[in-house]
Amino acid sequence: MPIARSRLTSQGQISVPADVRRKLGVGPGSVLEWDERGAEIVVRRAGTCTFEDIHRSLFHGRPPKPVSSKEMKEGIRRYIRKRHASGRF
């Protein structure tokens, strides 16, 4: 059973029902992504940053380089310990 229904206008526009907007956490100016999954189309709130953006923030602008999962886990542990030690959460 669908969550809600929308009607397509002659200009190809739809209104997102209030219940769906609340569930997605979107409002005026929000960007939605449309993705194909097999025979279905999925609509979701668009992310605001990429993995590269996060990597540059954590690693001071250096370009991403390949690392093992062990190195990645250790880097995350160090970061969490540092944040915890400084009292910032």
PDB file of N, CA and C in Angstrom:
ATOM      1  N   MET A   1       0.848  -1.177   0.000  1.00  0.00           N
ATOM      2  CA  MET A   1       0.000   0.000   0.000  1.00  0.00           C
ATOM      3  C   MET A   1       0.894   1.242   0.000  1.00  0.00           C
ATOM      4  N   PRO A   2       0.647   2.181  -0.910  1.00  0.00           N
ATOM      5  CA  PRO A   2       1.496   3.370  -1.003  1.00  0.00           C
ATOM      6  C   PRO A   2       1.350   4.285   0.210  1.00  0.00           C
ATOM      7  N   ILE A   3       2.430   5.020   0.492  1.00  0.00           N
ATOM      8  CA  ILE A   3       2.413   6.011   1.581  1.00  0.00           C
ATOM      9  C   ILE A   3       1.482   7.158   1.207  1.00  0.00           C
ATOM     10  N   ALA A   4       1.598   7.620  -0.058  1.00  0.00           N
ATOM     11  CA  ALA A   4       0.799   8.753  -0.527  1.00  0.00           C
ATOM     12  C   ALA A   4       0.766   8.726  -2.046  1.00  0.00           C
ATOM     13  N   ARG A   5      -0.031   9.609  -2.615  1.00  0.00           N
ATOM     14  CA  ARG A   5      -0.139   9.743  -4.058  1.00  0.00           C
ATOM     15  C   ARG A   5       0.058  11.199  -4.443  1.00  0.00           C
ATOM     16  N   SER A   6       0.605  11.411  -5.641  1.00  0.00           N
ATOM     17  CA  SER A   6       0.753  12.754  -6.204  1.00  0.00           C
ATOM     18  C   SER A   6       0.234  12.732  -7.622  1.00  0.00           C
ATOM     19  N   ARG A   7      -0.205  13.896  -8.090  1.00  0.00           N
ATOM     20  CA  ARG A   7      -0.696  14.009  -9.464  1.00  0.00           C
ATOM     21  C   ARG A   7       0.331  14.815 -10.264  1.00  0.00           C
ATOM     22  N   LEU A   8       0.648  14.349 -11.455  1.00  0.00           N
ATOM     23  CA  LEU A   8       1.581  15.003 -12.351  1.00  0.00           C
ATOM     24  C   LEU A   8       0.877  16.128 -13.096  1.00  0.00           C
ATOM     25  N   THR A   9       1.482  17.330 -13.120  1.00  0.00           N
ATOM     26  CA  THR A   9       0.883  18.453 -13.858  1.00  0.00           C
ATOM     27  C   THR A   9       1.262  18.343 -15.331  1.00  0.00           C
ATOM     28  N   SER A  10       0.666  19.182 -16.159  1.00  0.00           N
ATOM     29  CA  SER A  10       0.969  19.185 -17.589  1.00  0.00           C
ATOM     30  C   SER A  10       2.414  19.613 -17.849  1.00  0.00           C
ATOM     31  N   GLN A  11       3.043  20.263 -16.886  1.00  0.00           N
ATOM     32  CA  GLN A  11       4.435  20.687 -17.023  1.00  0.00           C
ATOM     33  C   GLN A  11       5.412  19.671 -16.427  1.00  0.00           C
ATOM     34  N   GLY A  12       4.892  18.505 -16.012  1.00  0.00           N
ATOM     35  CA  GLY A  12       5.753  17.444 -15.488  1.00  0.00           C
ATOM     36  C   GLY A  12       6.141  17.637 -14.035  1.00  0.00           C
ATOM     37  N   GLN A  13       5.412  18.448 -13.293  1.00  0.00           N
ATOM     38  CA  GLN A  13       5.723  18.702 -11.885  1.00  0.00           C
ATOM     39  C   GLN A  13       4.806  17.893 -10.980  1.00  0.00           C
ATOM     40  N   ILE A  14       5.319  17.598  -9.764  1.00  0.00           N
ATOM     41  CA  ILE A  14       4.500  16.929  -8.750  1.00  0.00           C
ATOM     42  C   ILE A  14       4.642  17.686  -7.435  1.00  0.00           C
ATOM     43  N   SER A  15       3.681  17.488  -6.563  1.00  0.00           N
ATOM     44  CA  SER A  15       3.773  17.993  -5.196  1.00  0.00           C
ATOM     45  C   SER A  15       4.126  16.811  -4.307  1.00  0.00           C
ATOM     46  N   VAL A  16       5.058  17.025  -3.386  1.00  0.00           N
ATOM     47  CA  VAL A  16       5.430  15.966  -2.453  1.00  0.00           C
ATOM     48  C   VAL A  16       4.501  16.083  -1.247  1.00  0.00           C
ATOM     49  N   PRO A  17       3.724  15.046  -0.949  1.00  0.00           N
ATOM     50  CA  PRO A  17       2.780  15.104   0.165  1.00  0.00           C
ATOM     51  C   PRO A  17       3.484  15.402   1.498  1.00  0.00           C
ATOM     52  N   ALA A  18       2.777  16.080   2.400  1.00  0.00           N
ATOM     53  CA  ALA A  18       3.345  16.502   3.690  1.00  0.00           C
ATOM     54  C   ALA A  18       3.928  15.331   4.480  1.00  0.00           C
ATOM     55  N   ASP A  19       3.235  14.190   4.514  1.00  0.00           N
ATOM     56  CA  ASP A  19       3.752  13.033   5.258  1.00  0.00           C
ATOM     57  C   ASP A  19       5.096  12.569   4.696  1.00  0.00           C
ATOM     58  N   VAL A  20       5.224  12.581   3.381  1.00  0.00           N
ATOM     59  CA  VAL A  20       6.478  12.162   2.743  1.00  0.00           C
ATOM     60  C   VAL A  20       7.575  13.187   3.034  1.00  0.00           C
ATOM     61  N   ARG A  21       7.247  14.486   2.953  1.00  0.00           N
ATOM     62  CA  ARG A  21       8.239  15.529   3.275  1.00  0.00           C
ATOM     63  C   ARG A  21       8.755  15.364   4.690  1.00  0.00           C
ATOM     64  N   ARG A  22       7.875  15.071   5.620  1.00  0.00           N
ATOM     65  CA  ARG A  22       8.300  14.879   7.020  1.00  0.00           C
ATOM     66  C   ARG A  22       9.204  13.658   7.148  1.00  0.00           C
ATOM     67  N   LYS A  23       8.826  12.560   6.500  1.00  0.00           N
ATOM     68  CA  LYS A  23       9.639  11.338   6.582  1.00  0.00           C
ATOM     69  C   LYS A  23      11.021  11.540   5.974  1.00  0.00           C
ATOM     70  N   LEU A  24      11.097  12.309   4.883  1.00  0.00           N
ATOM     71  CA  LEU A  24      12.376  12.572   4.235  1.00  0.00           C
ATOM     72  C   LEU A  24      13.151  13.703   4.914  1.00  0.00           C
ATOM     73  N   GLY A  25      12.464  14.518   5.707  1.00  0.00           N
ATOM     74  CA  GLY A  25      13.116  15.658   6.342  1.00  0.00           C
ATOM     75  C   GLY A  25      13.480  16.741   5.337  1.00  0.00           C
ATOM     76  N   VAL A  26      12.586  17.003   4.395  1.00  0.00           N
ATOM     77  CA  VAL A  26      12.853  18.006   3.374  1.00  0.00           C
ATOM     78  C   VAL A  26      11.879  19.166   3.470  1.00  0.00           C
ATOM     79  N   GLY A  27      12.273  20.280   2.895  1.00  0.00           N
ATOM     80  CA  GLY A  27      11.444  21.476   2.856  1.00  0.00           C
ATOM     81  C   GLY A  27      11.787  22.265   1.606  1.00  0.00           C
ATOM     82  N   PRO A  28      11.335  23.519   1.544  1.00  0.00           N
ATOM     83  CA  PRO A  28      11.613  24.355   0.375  1.00  0.00           C
ATOM     84  C   PRO A  28      13.115  24.430   0.093  1.00  0.00           C
ATOM     85  N   GLY A  29      13.486  24.225  -1.156  1.00  0.00           N
ATOM     86  CA  GLY A  29      14.889  24.290  -1.545  1.00  0.00           C
ATOM     87  C   GLY A  29      15.637  22.972  -1.438  1.00  0.00           C
ATOM     88  N   SER A  30      15.034  21.968  -0.814  1.00  0.00           N
ATOM     89  CA  SER A  30      15.686  20.654  -0.691  1.00  0.00           C
ATOM     90  C   SER A  30      15.802  20.009  -2.068  1.00  0.00           C
ATOM     91  N   VAL A  31      16.824  19.188  -2.228  1.00  0.00           N
ATOM     92  CA  VAL A  31      17.035  18.488  -3.488  1.00  0.00           C
ATOM     93  C   VAL A  31      16.706  17.016  -3.284  1.00  0.00           C
ATOM     94  N   LEU A  32      15.928  16.465  -4.201  1.00  0.00           N
ATOM     95  CA  LEU A  32      15.573  15.048  -4.160  1.00  0.00           C
ATOM     96  C   LEU A  32      16.286  14.327  -5.294  1.00  0.00           C
ATOM     97  N   GLU A  33      16.696  13.086  -5.047  1.00  0.00           N
ATOM     98  CA  GLU A  33      17.314  12.245  -6.067  1.00  0.00           C
ATOM     99  C   GLU A  33      16.326  11.168  -6.494  1.00  0.00           C
ATOM    100  N   TRP A  34      16.322  10.869  -7.763  1.00  0.00           N
ATOM    101  CA  TRP A  34      15.492   9.811  -8.333  1.00  0.00           C
ATOM    102  C   TRP A  34      16.448   8.727  -8.803  1.00  0.00           C
ATOM    103  N   ASP A  35      16.229   7.502  -8.361  1.00  0.00           N
ATOM    104  CA  ASP A  35      17.131   6.406  -8.686  1.00  0.00           C
ATOM    105  C   ASP A  35      16.324   5.208  -9.173  1.00  0.00           C
ATOM    106  N   GLU A  36      16.902   4.478 -10.111  1.00  0.00           N
ATOM    107  CA  GLU A  36      16.237   3.292 -10.650  1.00  0.00           C
ATOM    108  C   GLU A  36      16.758   2.054  -9.946  1.00  0.00           C
ATOM    109  N   ARG A  37      15.837   1.238  -9.437  1.00  0.00           N
ATOM    110  CA  ARG A  37      16.168  -0.042  -8.796  1.00  0.00           C
ATOM    111  C   ARG A  37      15.291  -1.112  -9.420  1.00  0.00           C
ATOM    112  N   GLY A  38      15.846  -1.761 -10.429  1.00  0.00           N
ATOM    113  CA  GLY A  38      15.055  -2.772 -11.128  1.00  0.00           C
ATOM    114  C   GLY A  38      13.876  -2.133 -11.826  1.00  0.00           C
ATOM    115  N   ALA A  39      12.681  -2.613 -11.500  1.00  0.00           N
ATOM    116  CA  ALA A  39      11.453  -2.097 -12.112  1.00  0.00           C
ATOM    117  C   ALA A  39      10.865  -0.926 -11.335  1.00  0.00           C
ATOM    118  N   GLU A  40      11.552  -0.445 -10.294  1.00  0.00           N
ATOM    119  CA  GLU A  40      11.028   0.634  -9.454  1.00  0.00           C
ATOM    120  C   GLU A  40      11.897   1.885  -9.550  1.00  0.00           C
ATOM    121  N   ILE A  41      11.285   3.014  -9.264  1.00  0.00           N
ATOM    122  CA  ILE A  41      12.000   4.290  -9.156  1.00  0.00           C
ATOM    123  C   ILE A  41      11.927   4.709  -7.693  1.00  0.00           C
ATOM    124  N   VAL A  42      13.073   5.021  -7.113  1.00  0.00           N
ATOM    125  CA  VAL A  42      13.150   5.392  -5.701  1.00  0.00           C
ATOM    126  C   VAL A  42      13.485   6.872  -5.601  1.00  0.00           C
ATOM    127  N   VAL A  43      12.759   7.591  -4.753  1.00  0.00           N
ATOM    128  CA  VAL A  43      13.020   9.012  -4.513  1.00  0.00           C
ATOM    129  C   VAL A  43      13.577   9.139  -3.106  1.00  0.00           C
ATOM    130  N   ARG A  44      14.683   9.897  -2.975  1.00  0.00           N
ATOM    131  CA  ARG A  44      15.280  10.101  -1.653  1.00  0.00           C
ATOM    132  C   ARG A  44      15.872  11.498  -1.570  1.00  0.00           C
ATOM    133  N   ARG A  45      16.123  11.918  -0.355  1.00  0.00           N
ATOM    134  CA  ARG A  45      16.774  13.206  -0.123  1.00  0.00           C
ATOM    135  C   ARG A  45      18.214  13.104  -0.623  1.00  0.00           C
ATOM    136  N   ALA A  46      18.666  14.098  -1.364  1.00  0.00           N
ATOM    137  CA  ALA A  46      20.029  14.093  -1.899  1.00  0.00           C
ATOM    138  C   ALA A  46      21.021  14.374  -0.783  1.00  0.00           C
ATOM    139  N   GLY A  47      22.169  13.701  -0.848  1.00  0.00           N
ATOM    140  CA  GLY A  47      23.242  13.961   0.106  1.00  0.00           C
ATOM    141  C   GLY A  47      23.838  15.337  -0.125  1.00  0.00           C
ATOM    142  N   THR A  48      24.415  15.903   0.909  1.00  0.00           N
ATOM    143  CA  THR A  48      24.961  17.250   0.785  1.00  0.00           C
ATOM    144  C   THR A  48      26.459  17.248   0.545  1.00  0.00           C
ATOM    145  N   CYS A  49      27.116  16.102   0.713  1.00  0.00           N
ATOM    146  CA  CYS A  49      28.550  16.052   0.455  1.00  0.00           C
ATOM    147  C   CYS A  49      28.938  14.664  -0.021  1.00  0.00           C
ATOM    148  N   THR A  50      30.094  14.596  -0.660  1.00  0.00           N
ATOM    149  CA  THR A  50      30.567  13.331  -1.189  1.00  0.00           C
ATOM    150  C   THR A  50      31.587  12.718  -0.241  1.00  0.00           C
ATOM    151  N   PHE A  51      31.960  11.474  -0.511  1.00  0.00           N
ATOM    152  CA  PHE A  51      32.993  10.812   0.271  1.00  0.00           C
ATOM    153  C   PHE A  51      34.298  11.588   0.181  1.00  0.00           C
ATOM    154  N   GLU A  52      34.600  12.124  -1.019  1.00  0.00           N
ATOM    155  CA  GLU A  52      35.827  12.912  -1.172  1.00  0.00           C
ATOM    156  C   GLU A  52      35.799  14.157  -0.297  1.00  0.00           C
ATOM    157  N   ASP A  53      34.653  14.828  -0.184  1.00  0.00           N
ATOM    158  CA  ASP A  53      34.536  16.001   0.690  1.00  0.00           C
ATOM    159  C   ASP A  53      34.862  15.628   2.129  1.00  0.00           C
ATOM    160  N   ILE A  54      34.317  14.505   2.589  1.00  0.00           N
ATOM    161  CA  ILE A  54      34.559  14.054   3.960  1.00  0.00           C
ATOM    162  C   ILE A  54      36.030  13.701   4.140  1.00  0.00           C
ATOM    163  N   HIS A  55      36.602  12.996   3.168  1.00  0.00           N
ATOM    164  CA  HIS A  55      38.011  12.595   3.245  1.00  0.00           C
ATOM    165  C   HIS A  55      38.906  13.825   3.324  1.00  0.00           C
ATOM    166  N   ARG A  56      38.661  14.820   2.488  1.00  0.00           N
ATOM    167  CA  ARG A  56      39.486  16.034   2.509  1.00  0.00           C
ATOM    168  C   ARG A  56      39.368  16.749   3.838  1.00  0.00           C
ATOM    169  N   SER A  57      38.179  16.751   4.418  1.00  0.00           N
ATOM    170  CA  SER A  57      37.990  17.387   5.717  1.00  0.00           C
ATOM    171  C   SER A  57      38.772  16.662   6.809  1.00  0.00           C
ATOM    172  N   LEU A  58      38.720  15.343   6.789  1.00  0.00           N
ATOM    173  CA  LEU A  58      39.415  14.558   7.815  1.00  0.00           C
ATOM    174  C   LEU A  58      40.924  14.537   7.619  1.00  0.00           C
ATOM    175  N   PHE A  59      41.378  14.579   6.372  1.00  0.00           N
ATOM    176  CA  PHE A  59      42.797  14.410   6.087  1.00  0.00           C
ATOM    177  C   PHE A  59      43.433  15.672   5.517  1.00  0.00           C
ATOM    178  N   HIS A  60      42.899  16.819   5.873  1.00  0.00           N
ATOM    179  CA  HIS A  60      43.498  18.135   5.615  1.00  0.00           C
ATOM    180  C   HIS A  60      43.763  18.420   4.145  1.00  0.00           C
ATOM    181  N   GLY A  61      42.832  18.099   3.284  1.00  0.00           N
ATOM    182  CA  GLY A  61      42.917  18.471   1.893  1.00  0.00           C
ATOM    183  C   GLY A  61      43.803  17.609   1.021  1.00  0.00           C
ATOM    184  N   ARG A  62      44.486  16.642   1.601  1.00  0.00           N
ATOM    185  CA  ARG A  62      45.302  15.752   0.766  1.00  0.00           C
ATOM    186  C   ARG A  62      44.376  14.920  -0.111  1.00  0.00           C
ATOM    187  N   PRO A  63      44.791  14.642  -1.348  1.00  0.00           N
ATOM    188  CA  PRO A  63      43.916  13.825  -2.204  1.00  0.00           C
ATOM    189  C   PRO A  63      43.773  12.409  -1.637  1.00  0.00           C
ATOM    190  N   PRO A  64      42.627  11.787  -1.853  1.00  0.00           N
ATOM    191  CA  PRO A  64      42.422  10.435  -1.346  1.00  0.00           C
ATOM    192  C   PRO A  64      43.468   9.474  -1.904  1.00  0.00           C
ATOM    193  N   LYS A  65      43.917   8.560  -1.065  1.00  0.00           N
ATOM    194  CA  LYS A  65      44.840   7.522  -1.516  1.00  0.00           C
ATOM    195  C   LYS A  65      44.296   6.180  -1.042  1.00  0.00           C
ATOM    196  N   PRO A  66      44.587   5.130  -1.766  1.00  0.00           N
ATOM    197  CA  PRO A  66      44.098   3.810  -1.371  1.00  0.00           C
ATOM    198  C   PRO A  66      44.700   3.389  -0.024  1.00  0.00           C
ATOM    199  N   VAL A  67      43.868   2.879   0.857  1.00  0.00           N
ATOM    200  CA  VAL A  67      44.321   2.354   2.151  1.00  0.00           C
ATOM    201  C   VAL A  67      43.609   1.037   2.413  1.00  0.00           C
ATOM    202  N   SER A  68      44.227   0.216   3.242  1.00  0.00           N
ATOM    203  CA  SER A  68      43.601  -1.058   3.589  1.00  0.00           C
ATOM    204  C   SER A  68      42.490  -0.805   4.600  1.00  0.00           C
ATOM    205  N   SER A  69      41.631  -1.793   4.772  1.00  0.00           N
ATOM    206  CA  SER A  69      40.559  -1.639   5.766  1.00  0.00           C
ATOM    207  C   SER A  69      41.158  -1.526   7.166  1.00  0.00           C
ATOM    208  N   LYS A  70      42.272  -2.202   7.415  1.00  0.00           N
ATOM    209  CA  LYS A  70      42.934  -2.110   8.725  1.00  0.00           C
ATOM    210  C   LYS A  70      43.415  -0.680   8.980  1.00  0.00           C
ATOM    211  N   GLU A  71      44.030  -0.052   7.966  1.00  0.00           N
ATOM    212  CA  GLU A  71      44.481   1.339   8.109  1.00  0.00           C
ATOM    213  C   GLU A  71      43.299   2.279   8.304  1.00  0.00           C
ATOM    214  N   MET A  72      42.219   2.028   7.585  1.00  0.00           N
ATOM    215  CA  MET A  72      41.021   2.861   7.705  1.00  0.00           C
ATOM    216  C   MET A  72      40.447   2.776   9.118  1.00  0.00           C
ATOM    217  N   LYS A  73      40.326   1.554   9.640  1.00  0.00           N
ATOM    218  CA  LYS A  73      39.794   1.372  10.995  1.00  0.00           C
ATOM    219  C   LYS A  73      40.677   2.055  12.028  1.00  0.00           C
ATOM    220  N   GLU A  74      42.001   1.946  11.882  1.00  0.00           N
ATOM    221  CA  GLU A  74      42.907   2.582  12.829  1.00  0.00           C
ATOM    222  C   GLU A  74      42.794   4.106  12.759  1.00  0.00           C
ATOM    223  N   GLY A  75      42.661   4.641  11.554  1.00  0.00           N
ATOM    224  CA  GLY A  75      42.479   6.086  11.405  1.00  0.00           C
ATOM    225  C   GLY A  75      41.199   6.563  12.074  1.00  0.00           C
ATOM    226  N   ILE A  76      40.141   5.802  11.939  1.00  0.00           N
ATOM    227  CA  ILE A  76      38.865   6.160  12.576  1.00  0.00           C
ATOM    228  C   ILE A  76      39.009   6.084  14.095  1.00  0.00           C
ATOM    229  N   ARG A  77      39.682   5.040  14.594  1.00  0.00           N
ATOM    230  CA  ARG A  77      39.911   4.922  16.046  1.00  0.00           C
ATOM    231  C   ARG A  77      40.674   6.128  16.588  1.00  0.00           C
ATOM    232  N   ARG A  78      41.741   6.519  15.878  1.00  0.00           N
ATOM    233  CA  ARG A  78      42.532   7.683  16.320  1.00  0.00           C
ATOM    234  C   ARG A  78      41.677   8.939  16.353  1.00  0.00           C
ATOM    235  N   TYR A  79      40.869   9.135  15.315  1.00  0.00           N
ATOM    236  CA  TYR A  79      40.016  10.307  15.233  1.00  0.00           C
ATOM    237  C   TYR A  79      39.012  10.335  16.384  1.00  0.00           C
ATOM    238  N   ILE A  80      38.389   9.200  16.668  1.00  0.00           N
ATOM    239  CA  ILE A  80      37.402   9.135  17.751  1.00  0.00           C
ATOM    240  C   ILE A  80      38.069   9.378  19.095  1.00  0.00           C
ATOM    241  N   ARG A  81      39.227   8.760  19.321  1.00  0.00           N
ATOM    242  CA  ARG A  81      39.952   8.988  20.586  1.00  0.00           C
ATOM    243  C   ARG A  81      40.304  10.456  20.757  1.00  0.00           C
ATOM    244  N   LYS A  82      40.755  11.085  19.677  1.00  0.00           N
ATOM    245  CA  LYS A  82      41.123  12.501  19.735  1.00  0.00           C
ATOM    246  C   LYS A  82      39.910  13.361  20.074  1.00  0.00           C
ATOM    247  N   ARG A  83      38.794  13.100  19.432  1.00  0.00           N
ATOM    248  CA  ARG A  83      37.561  13.862  19.729  1.00  0.00           C
ATOM    249  C   ARG A  83      37.097  13.629  21.145  1.00  0.00           C
ATOM    250  N   HIS A  84      37.167  12.374  21.586  1.00  0.00           N
ATOM    251  CA  HIS A  84      36.722  12.049  22.934  1.00  0.00           C
ATOM    252  C   HIS A  84      37.620  12.718  23.976  1.00  0.00           C
ATOM    253  N   ALA A  85      38.920  12.729  23.738  1.00  0.00           N
ATOM    254  CA  ALA A  85      39.869  13.317  24.672  1.00  0.00           C
ATOM    255  C   ALA A  85      39.684  14.827  24.793  1.00  0.00           C
ATOM    256  N   SER A  86      39.258  15.473  23.724  1.00  0.00           N
ATOM    257  CA  SER A  86      39.111  16.931  23.783  1.00  0.00           C
ATOM    258  C   SER A  86      37.780  17.358  24.373  1.00  0.00           C
ATOM    259  N   GLY A  87      36.874  16.392  24.605  1.00  0.00           N
ATOM    260  CA  GLY A  87      35.571  16.706  25.210  1.00  0.00           C
ATOM    261  C   GLY A  87      34.531  17.170  24.207  1.00  0.00           C
ATOM    262  N   ARG A  88      34.871  17.156  22.911  1.00  0.00           N
ATOM    263  CA  ARG A  88      33.923  17.549  21.877  1.00  0.00           C
ATOM    264  C   ARG A  88      33.216  16.313  21.343  1.00  0.00           C
ATOM    265  N   PHE A  89      31.919  16.413  21.155  1.00  0.00           N
ATOM    266  CA  PHE A  89      31.154  15.302  20.554  1.00  0.00           C
ATOM    267  C   PHE A  89      30.313  15.801  19.441  1.00  0.00           C
TER     268      PHE A  89
END
